């Protein structure tokens, strides 16, 4: 035997599914689950598996100082306009809605003494559409949201007078103007952050909103004008209904009236539920009013269940988000008084706290107590406006999700051409 002789060693057979085979299996593209030959999922892209998780990211973006400041300025401008209308004595129909809500209140709530039971709205009263839900949810709503819902309910109340209608539309018009500016600015800020793009500062976001607000405003105005134009035949039919003969004629033509009212309902629901999507479309796509109307109505009515689902998820996320904002505001004011109490002493601290409580109840207070209360109220108003910022943040996320559902557009696609000053 020669020690230098070579022996050929056969290659060991490799069973199917062994490590040697799986090492040559190409990985799945980014953004998809990676299932290798061993049947085990090695990677999951949650943005594809659970796209509505984007709503949670939007809620986190609402805590941005820029978003909170923009929301605070928008809330302040809204309050200033409504307060000015009240001081000028411009009427509105909120009292009509309030009376209807009390009359339609659930069991266990009594009617006011000066309103008989017979004054409760009938089942066919258009005002009952909003009065009954208002009586249930109003105690859970912040004051601005409650006022807004009552203003939106006025056009559905036949008891509202023409001056009240005009005053209501003036207040709603101011609301749309204000949030066409600040809502567009917030939506732009959040959209860029969700897309991973460079986020502009406060000045850049406000500049964007001030330049494109007219597109968001006109989107609402054009739909309202369409509703008014389509209401003309109904108004003419209403002139006939002033007489008994005309009422008979209207009864015969009423099926046609109901068919036309379907279009009015589509437009009315679309402008109320779809306006946040219009603002999101302007902020994300930098489109015009007609593009915003088209996309908002398309997304809303092609994916209504998706819209409702995103709305429910946003409400669920709102609870801990609003609780966190309230907790931060309470902790800030409490810790400020606690730190000051270390120097004031117990007796003086109790006196100051009693003065703040009396001032909150409308009693007289010293100038120092009023200054403390003013600063505290400003902080609470600033953090209390978080709800507006949260609303526009999740509305932007909902727009991106619905755009993905309908147009199959990626969530991170945002038009990023800068306006002058946007990068500031």
Protein backbone atom coordinates (compact mmCIF):
# COMPACT_ATOMS: atom_id res chain seq x y z
CA UNK A 1 0.00 0.00 0.00
CA UNK A 2 1.28 3.36 -0.92
CA UNK A 3 0.85 6.06 1.65
CA UNK A 4 0.65 8.68 -1.08
CA UNK A 5 -2.34 7.15 -2.79
CA UNK A 6 -5.42 9.45 -2.94
CA UNK A 7 -8.88 8.28 -2.11
CA UNK A 8 -11.87 9.93 -3.66
CA UNK A 9 -14.39 10.80 -1.02
CA UNK A 10 -17.96 11.00 -2.33
CA UNK A 11 -19.88 14.21 -1.74
CA UNK A 12 -22.44 13.74 1.01
CA UNK A 13 -25.97 14.03 -0.20
CA UNK A 14 -27.84 17.08 1.04
CA UNK A 15 -31.45 16.49 1.97
CA UNK A 16 -34.06 18.89 0.70
CA UNK A 17 -34.79 21.66 3.17
CA UNK A 18 -31.40 21.46 4.88
CA UNK A 19 -29.31 24.44 5.81
CA UNK A 20 -27.31 24.25 2.60
CA UNK A 21 -30.37 24.76 0.47
CA UNK A 22 -31.92 27.49 2.56
CA UNK A 23 -28.69 29.46 2.49
CA UNK A 24 -29.22 29.99 -1.24
CA UNK A 25 -32.86 31.03 -0.96
CA UNK A 26 -33.15 34.74 -1.85
CA UNK A 27 -34.53 37.00 0.79
CA UNK A 28 -37.92 38.55 0.31
CA UNK A 29 -38.06 42.15 -0.83
CA UNK A 30 -38.05 44.77 1.85
CA UNK A 31 -41.48 45.41 3.30
CA UNK A 32 -42.69 41.80 3.02
CA UNK A 33 -42.65 38.78 5.24
CA UNK A 34 -39.51 36.66 4.77
CA UNK A 35 -40.36 32.94 4.87
CA UNK A 36 -37.35 30.74 4.33
CA UNK A 37 -37.20 27.07 3.43
CA UNK A 38 -37.53 26.00 7.05
CA UNK A 39 -41.09 27.32 7.10
CA UNK A 40 -40.32 29.94 9.76
CA UNK A 41 -41.18 33.64 9.34
CA UNK A 42 -37.94 35.51 9.95
CA UNK A 43 -39.14 39.06 9.31
CA UNK A 44 -42.43 40.95 9.36
CA UNK A 45 -42.93 44.47 8.09
CA UNK A 46 -45.67 45.75 10.35
CA UNK A 47 -46.41 48.75 8.13
CA UNK A 48 -47.67 46.26 5.51
CA UNK A 49 -49.27 43.80 7.90
CA UNK A 50 -51.07 46.49 9.93
CA UNK A 51 -51.12 49.67 7.84
CA UNK A 52 -53.54 51.40 10.22
CA UNK A 53 -50.68 51.46 12.71
CA UNK A 54 -49.92 54.75 10.96
CA UNK A 55 -52.64 56.31 13.11
CA UNK A 56 -50.54 55.62 16.19
CA UNK A 57 -47.54 57.29 14.59
CA UNK A 58 -49.73 60.28 13.72
CA UNK A 59 -50.86 60.49 17.35
CA UNK A 60 -47.22 60.66 18.37
CA UNK A 61 -46.61 63.43 15.81
CA UNK A 62 -49.42 65.43 17.45
CA UNK A 63 -47.17 65.89 20.50
CA UNK A 64 -44.71 67.88 18.38
CA UNK A 65 -44.23 71.42 19.76
CA UNK A 66 -44.82 72.85 16.29
CA UNK A 67 -48.13 71.00 15.94
CA UNK A 68 -49.27 72.04 19.42
CA UNK A 69 -48.38 75.68 18.76
CA UNK A 70 -50.17 75.71 15.40
CA UNK A 71 -53.22 74.10 16.99
CA UNK A 72 -53.16 76.64 19.83
CA UNK A 73 -53.07 79.56 17.39
CA UNK A 74 -55.93 78.03 15.41
CA UNK A 75 -58.01 77.50 18.55
CA UNK A 76 -57.29 81.08 19.65
CA UNK A 77 -58.31 82.48 16.27
CA UNK A 78 -61.50 80.41 16.29
CA UNK A 79 -62.40 81.60 19.78
CA UNK A 80 -61.64 85.22 18.86
CA UNK A 81 -63.90 85.14 15.81
CA UNK A 82 -66.80 83.48 17.61
CA UNK A 83 -66.45 85.82 20.59
CA UNK A 84 -66.48 88.84 18.29
CA UNK A 85 -69.67 87.58 16.63
CA UNK A 86 -71.27 87.18 20.06
CA UNK A 87 -70.22 90.69 21.13
CA UNK A 88 -71.59 92.18 17.92
CA UNK A 89 -74.91 90.47 18.62
CA UNK A 90 -74.88 88.36 15.46
CA UNK A 91 -77.56 85.71 16.09
CA UNK A 92 -77.16 82.00 15.56
CA UNK A 93 -79.36 78.97 16.01
CA UNK A 94 -77.51 77.26 18.85
CA UNK A 95 -80.44 77.96 21.19
CA UNK A 96 -82.75 76.11 18.82
CA UNK A 97 -80.47 73.09 18.80
CA UNK A 98 -80.06 73.27 22.57
CA UNK A 99 -83.82 73.24 23.07
CA UNK A 100 -84.18 70.33 20.67
CA UNK A 101 -81.43 68.39 22.45
CA UNK A 102 -83.11 68.89 25.81
CA UNK A 103 -86.47 67.79 24.41
CA UNK A 104 -84.86 64.73 22.84
CA UNK A 105 -82.84 63.87 25.93
CA UNK A 106 -82.75 60.24 27.06
CA UNK A 107 -84.92 58.83 29.79
CA UNK A 108 -84.08 60.22 33.20
CA UNK A 109 -83.52 63.79 31.97
CA UNK A 110 -86.38 66.25 32.44
CA UNK A 111 -87.56 68.98 30.13
CA UNK A 112 -87.32 72.61 31.20
CA UNK A 113 -90.40 74.02 32.91
CA UNK A 114 -91.17 76.46 30.09
CA UNK A 115 -91.15 73.78 27.38
CA UNK A 116 -94.16 71.42 27.21
CA UNK A 117 -93.80 67.79 26.36
CA UNK A 118 -95.65 68.36 23.11
CA UNK A 119 -92.76 70.55 21.89
CA UNK A 120 -90.46 67.55 21.61
CA UNK A 121 -89.30 67.03 18.01
CA UNK A 122 -91.24 64.52 16.00
CA UNK A 123 -89.59 61.54 14.40
CA UNK A 124 -89.74 63.30 11.00
CA UNK A 125 -88.19 66.52 12.34
CA UNK A 126 -84.81 66.98 10.57
CA UNK A 127 -83.48 68.54 13.74
CA UNK A 128 -83.99 65.27 15.59
CA UNK A 129 -81.22 63.77 13.46
CA UNK A 130 -78.68 65.76 15.45
CA UNK A 131 -80.61 66.72 18.59
CA UNK A 132 -80.87 63.23 19.99
CA UNK A 133 -77.19 62.29 19.51
CA UNK A 134 -76.15 65.68 20.90
CA UNK A 135 -78.06 65.09 24.11
CA UNK A 136 -76.08 61.89 24.62
CA UNK A 137 -72.55 62.84 23.66
CA UNK A 138 -72.45 66.53 24.63
CA UNK A 139 -71.33 65.92 28.25
CA UNK A 140 -68.25 64.10 26.92
CA UNK A 141 -67.20 66.77 24.42
CA UNK A 142 -64.90 69.76 24.92
CA UNK A 143 -66.68 73.12 24.74
CA UNK A 144 -65.39 74.10 21.24
CA UNK A 145 -66.38 70.74 19.77
CA UNK A 146 -69.83 70.98 21.37
CA UNK A 147 -70.33 74.49 19.94
CA UNK A 148 -69.21 73.32 16.51
CA UNK A 149 -71.63 70.39 16.47
CA UNK A 150 -74.50 72.64 17.51
CA UNK A 151 -73.63 75.08 14.71
CA UNK A 152 -73.55 72.22 12.20
CA UNK A 153 -76.97 71.13 13.41
CA UNK A 154 -78.65 74.50 12.82
CA UNK A 155 -79.27 74.08 9.05
CA UNK A 156 -81.23 70.89 9.80
CA UNK A 157 -83.63 72.70 12.15
CA UNK A 158 -86.71 74.18 10.43
CA UNK A 159 -87.31 76.30 13.54
CA UNK A 160 -84.16 78.35 12.92
CA UNK A 161 -84.89 81.80 11.48
CA UNK A 162 -83.16 83.32 8.46
CA UNK A 163 -80.96 85.68 10.57
CA UNK A 164 -79.97 82.72 12.74
CA UNK A 165 -79.02 80.79 9.60
CA UNK A 166 -76.87 83.66 8.34
CA UNK A 167 -75.16 84.03 11.73
CA UNK A 168 -74.51 80.31 11.87
CA UNK A 169 -72.99 80.23 8.40
CA UNK A 170 -70.83 83.24 9.27
CA UNK A 171 -69.42 81.40 12.29
CA UNK A 172 -68.92 78.19 10.32
CA UNK A 173 -67.28 80.15 7.52
CA UNK A 174 -64.83 81.67 9.98
CA UNK A 175 -64.09 78.20 11.37
CA UNK A 176 -63.36 76.88 7.87
CA UNK A 177 -61.11 79.85 7.06
CA UNK A 178 -59.07 79.47 10.26
CA UNK A 179 -58.56 75.74 9.97
CA UNK A 180 -57.94 75.90 6.23
CA UNK A 181 -54.79 77.76 7.25
CA UNK A 182 -53.73 75.99 10.43
CA UNK A 183 -55.19 72.58 9.51
CA UNK A 184 -53.27 72.59 6.22
CA UNK A 185 -50.10 73.63 8.06
CA UNK A 186 -50.49 70.82 10.61
CA UNK A 187 -51.34 68.25 7.93
CA UNK A 188 -48.24 69.22 5.95
CA UNK A 189 -46.05 68.92 9.03
CA UNK A 190 -47.44 65.49 9.94
CA UNK A 191 -47.42 64.14 6.37
CA UNK A 192 -43.75 64.94 5.90
CA UNK A 193 -42.89 63.38 9.24
CA UNK A 194 -44.82 60.19 8.47
CA UNK A 195 -43.11 59.99 5.07
CA UNK A 196 -39.65 60.34 6.62
CA UNK A 197 -38.95 63.60 4.81
CA UNK A 198 -37.31 66.70 6.23
CA UNK A 199 -39.88 68.45 8.40
CA UNK A 200 -40.15 72.24 8.17
CA UNK A 201 -40.16 74.38 11.26
CA UNK A 202 -43.04 76.43 12.60
CA UNK A 203 -42.48 79.23 10.10
CA UNK A 204 -42.26 76.86 7.15
CA UNK A 205 -45.45 75.02 8.11
CA UNK A 206 -47.37 78.26 8.68
CA UNK A 207 -46.07 79.63 5.38
CA UNK A 208 -47.36 76.53 3.58
CA UNK A 209 -50.78 76.83 5.21
CA UNK A 210 -51.05 80.54 4.42
CA UNK A 211 -50.22 79.90 0.77
CA UNK A 212 -52.53 76.93 0.11
CA UNK A 213 -55.41 77.65 2.48
CA UNK A 214 -57.61 78.94 -0.33
CA UNK A 215 -57.65 75.52 -2.00
CA UNK A 216 -58.90 73.89 1.21
CA UNK A 217 -61.47 76.65 1.76
CA UNK A 218 -62.77 76.66 -1.81
CA UNK A 219 -63.22 72.88 -1.69
CA UNK A 220 -65.88 73.41 0.98
CA UNK A 221 -67.31 76.53 -0.64
CA UNK A 222 -67.83 74.83 -4.01
CA UNK A 223 -69.69 71.90 -2.45
CA UNK A 224 -71.88 74.27 -0.40
CA UNK A 225 -72.68 76.26 -3.54
CA UNK A 226 -73.62 73.01 -5.27
CA UNK A 227 -75.95 72.12 -2.40
CA UNK A 228 -77.61 75.54 -2.57
CA UNK A 229 -78.03 75.31 -6.34
CA UNK A 230 -79.60 71.86 -6.12
CA UNK A 231 -81.92 73.10 -3.36
CA UNK A 232 -83.60 75.66 -5.66
CA UNK A 233 -86.19 73.20 -7.08
CA UNK A 234 -87.09 72.18 -3.53
CA UNK A 235 -87.47 75.82 -2.53
CA UNK A 236 -89.78 76.43 -5.49
CA UNK A 237 -91.81 73.40 -4.52
CA UNK A 238 -91.97 74.82 -1.00
CA UNK A 239 -93.59 77.97 -2.38
CA UNK A 240 -96.40 75.80 -3.76
CA UNK A 241 -96.80 74.16 -0.36
CA UNK A 242 -97.97 77.48 1.13
CA UNK A 243 -101.47 76.62 -0.15
CA UNK A 244 -103.50 73.46 0.30
CA UNK A 245 -103.68 72.87 -3.45
CA UNK A 246 -99.95 73.33 -3.74
CA UNK A 247 -99.46 70.95 -0.85
CA UNK A 248 -101.42 68.32 -2.77
CA UNK A 249 -99.29 68.90 -5.86
CA UNK A 250 -96.13 68.66 -3.72
CA UNK A 251 -97.38 65.38 -2.28
CA UNK A 252 -97.68 63.94 -5.77
CA UNK A 253 -94.21 65.18 -6.70
CA UNK A 254 -92.65 64.20 -3.40
CA UNK A 255 -91.03 60.95 -4.70
CA UNK A 256 -89.04 63.07 -7.17
CA UNK A 257 -88.14 65.38 -4.32
CA UNK A 258 -86.83 62.46 -2.31
CA UNK A 259 -84.72 61.28 -5.23
CA UNK A 260 -83.17 64.71 -5.53
CA UNK A 261 -82.60 64.81 -1.79
CA UNK A 262 -80.39 61.72 -2.11
CA UNK A 263 -77.90 63.83 -4.04
CA UNK A 264 -78.15 66.54 -1.38
CA UNK A 265 -77.47 63.96 1.32
CA UNK A 266 -74.42 62.66 -0.54
CA UNK A 267 -73.02 66.17 -0.84
CA UNK A 268 -73.88 67.15 2.74
CA UNK A 269 -72.33 64.04 4.28
CA UNK A 270 -69.38 64.32 1.93
CA UNK A 271 -68.55 67.91 2.83
CA UNK A 272 -68.82 67.31 6.59
CA UNK A 273 -67.04 63.95 6.75
CA UNK A 274 -64.76 64.58 3.79
CA UNK A 275 -63.44 68.06 4.55
CA UNK A 276 -60.57 66.73 6.71
CA UNK A 277 -59.63 64.54 3.74
CA UNK A 278 -59.76 67.61 1.47
CA UNK A 279 -57.33 69.41 3.76
CA UNK A 280 -55.12 66.32 3.81
CA UNK A 281 -55.18 66.17 0.02
CA UNK A 282 -54.10 69.80 -0.29
CA UNK A 283 -51.31 69.27 2.24
CA UNK A 284 -50.02 65.99 0.80
CA UNK A 285 -50.53 66.49 -2.93
CA UNK A 286 -50.45 70.30 -3.10
CA UNK A 287 -53.48 69.98 -5.37
CA UNK A 288 -56.24 72.44 -6.17
CA UNK A 289 -59.79 72.56 -4.83
CA UNK A 290 -61.30 70.30 -7.48
CA UNK A 291 -58.67 67.63 -6.94
CA UNK A 292 -59.30 67.81 -3.20
CA UNK A 293 -63.06 67.41 -3.70
CA UNK A 294 -62.62 64.52 -6.13
CA UNK A 295 -60.23 62.55 -3.96
CA UNK A 296 -62.15 63.16 -0.73
CA UNK A 297 -65.50 62.02 -2.15
CA UNK A 298 -63.85 59.10 -3.94
CA UNK A 299 -62.07 57.82 -0.83
CA UNK A 300 -65.07 58.40 1.44
CA UNK A 301 -67.68 56.64 -0.70
CA UNK A 302 -65.49 53.91 -2.19
CA UNK A 303 -64.15 52.81 1.20
CA UNK A 304 -66.80 53.87 3.75
CA UNK A 305 -66.11 50.92 6.06
CA UNK A 306 -62.39 51.70 6.02
CA UNK A 307 -63.19 55.30 6.87
CA UNK A 308 -65.35 54.23 9.80
CA UNK A 309 -62.69 51.78 10.99
CA UNK A 310 -59.98 54.42 10.94
CA UNK A 311 -62.34 56.78 12.76
CA UNK A 312 -62.97 54.22 15.50
CA UNK A 313 -59.25 53.49 15.87
CA UNK A 314 -58.53 57.22 16.05
CA UNK A 315 -61.10 57.59 18.83
CA UNK A 316 -59.54 54.70 20.74
CA UNK A 317 -56.09 56.25 20.40
CA UNK A 318 -57.46 59.66 21.41
CA UNK A 319 -58.35 58.51 24.91
CA UNK A 320 -54.80 57.80 26.15
CA UNK A 321 -53.39 60.68 24.07
CA UNK A 322 -55.76 63.25 25.57
CA UNK A 323 -55.24 61.74 29.02
CA UNK A 324 -51.48 62.13 28.60
CA UNK A 325 -51.85 65.78 27.55
CA UNK A 326 -54.16 66.50 30.49
CA UNK A 327 -51.82 64.73 32.87
CA UNK A 328 -48.88 66.80 31.64
CA UNK A 329 -50.82 70.05 32.07
CA UNK A 330 -51.97 69.09 35.56
CA UNK A 331 -48.49 67.97 36.59
CA UNK A 332 -46.95 71.22 35.32
CA UNK A 333 -49.30 73.51 37.24
CA UNK A 334 -49.23 71.35 40.38
CA UNK A 335 -45.45 71.10 40.48
CA UNK A 336 -45.12 74.85 39.91
CA UNK A 337 -47.28 75.54 42.98
CA UNK A 338 -45.48 72.83 44.95
CA UNK A 339 -42.08 74.37 44.25
CA UNK A 340 -43.37 77.82 45.24
CA UNK A 341 -44.93 76.42 48.42
CA UNK A 342 -41.50 75.44 49.68
CA UNK A 343 -40.76 79.13 50.07
CA UNK A 344 -44.27 80.43 50.87
CA UNK A 345 -44.95 78.14 53.79
CA UNK A 346 -48.11 76.24 54.60
CA UNK A 347 -50.28 79.15 55.71
CA UNK A 348 -49.53 81.36 52.70
CA UNK A 349 -49.88 78.42 50.32
CA UNK A 350 -53.35 77.64 51.67
CA UNK A 351 -54.29 81.30 51.27
CA UNK A 352 -53.11 81.40 47.65
CA UNK A 353 -54.91 78.16 46.80
CA UNK A 354 -58.11 79.51 48.35
CA UNK A 355 -57.76 82.69 46.29
CA UNK A 356 -57.29 80.71 43.07
CA UNK A 357 -60.34 78.61 43.86
CA UNK A 358 -62.44 81.69 44.61
CA UNK A 359 -61.29 83.35 41.39
CA UNK A 360 -62.20 80.23 39.41
CA UNK A 361 -65.68 80.45 40.91
CA UNK A 362 -66.11 84.05 39.78
CA UNK A 363 -65.26 85.72 43.06
CA UNK A 364 -63.04 88.74 43.67
CA UNK A 365 -59.29 88.20 43.72
CA UNK A 366 -56.15 90.24 44.11
CA UNK A 367 -54.04 91.29 41.15
CA UNK A 368 -51.43 88.64 42.01
CA UNK A 369 -54.03 85.87 42.09
CA UNK A 370 -55.37 87.02 38.74
CA UNK A 371 -51.87 86.99 37.24
CA UNK A 372 -51.30 83.44 38.49
CA UNK A 373 -54.68 82.32 37.17
CA UNK A 374 -54.04 83.96 33.78
CA UNK A 375 -50.71 82.17 33.35
CA UNK A 376 -52.26 78.88 34.39
CA UNK A 377 -55.19 79.36 32.01
CA UNK A 378 -52.80 80.12 29.14
CA UNK A 379 -50.87 76.91 29.79
CA UNK A 380 -54.05 74.86 30.02
CA UNK A 381 -55.37 76.45 26.82
CA UNK A 382 -52.08 75.70 25.05
CA UNK A 383 -52.09 72.06 26.08
CA UNK A 384 -55.87 71.85 25.74
CA UNK A 385 -55.54 72.71 22.07
CA UNK A 386 -53.74 69.39 21.67
CA UNK A 387 -57.09 67.93 20.63
CA UNK A 388 -57.18 70.07 17.49
CA UNK A 389 -53.64 69.10 16.58
CA UNK A 390 -54.47 65.45 17.18
CA UNK A 391 -57.55 65.71 14.96
CA UNK A 392 -55.62 67.07 11.98
CA UNK A 393 -52.74 64.66 12.54
CA UNK A 394 -54.92 61.54 12.45
CA UNK A 395 -56.96 63.01 9.57
CA UNK A 396 -53.74 63.22 7.56
CA UNK A 397 -52.92 59.61 8.42
CA UNK A 398 -56.46 58.57 7.44
CA UNK A 399 -56.03 60.32 4.09
CA UNK A 400 -52.78 58.44 3.43
CA UNK A 401 -54.40 55.13 4.39
CA UNK A 402 -57.49 55.69 2.24
CA UNK A 403 -55.30 56.78 -0.67
CA UNK A 404 -53.41 53.50 -0.29
CA UNK A 405 -56.67 51.53 -0.17
CA UNK A 406 -58.18 53.16 -3.27
CA UNK A 407 -55.22 54.18 -5.44
CA UNK A 408 -52.60 51.69 -4.16
CA UNK A 409 -50.25 54.61 -3.48
CA UNK A 410 -47.44 54.05 -1.00
CA UNK A 411 -47.87 55.69 2.37
CA UNK A 412 -44.62 57.62 2.13
CA UNK A 413 -45.36 59.36 -1.19
CA UNK A 414 -45.69 63.09 -0.49
CA UNK A 415 -45.10 65.96 -2.90
CA UNK A 416 -42.03 67.65 -1.45
CA UNK A 417 -41.45 70.65 -3.70
CA UNK A 418 -40.79 73.52 -1.37
CA UNK A 419 -42.50 76.86 -1.35
CA UNK A 420 -40.36 79.90 -0.53
CA UNK A 421 -39.78 79.86 3.19
CA UNK A 422 -41.13 76.33 3.71
CA UNK A 423 -37.77 75.01 4.82
CA UNK A 424 -37.48 77.67 7.52
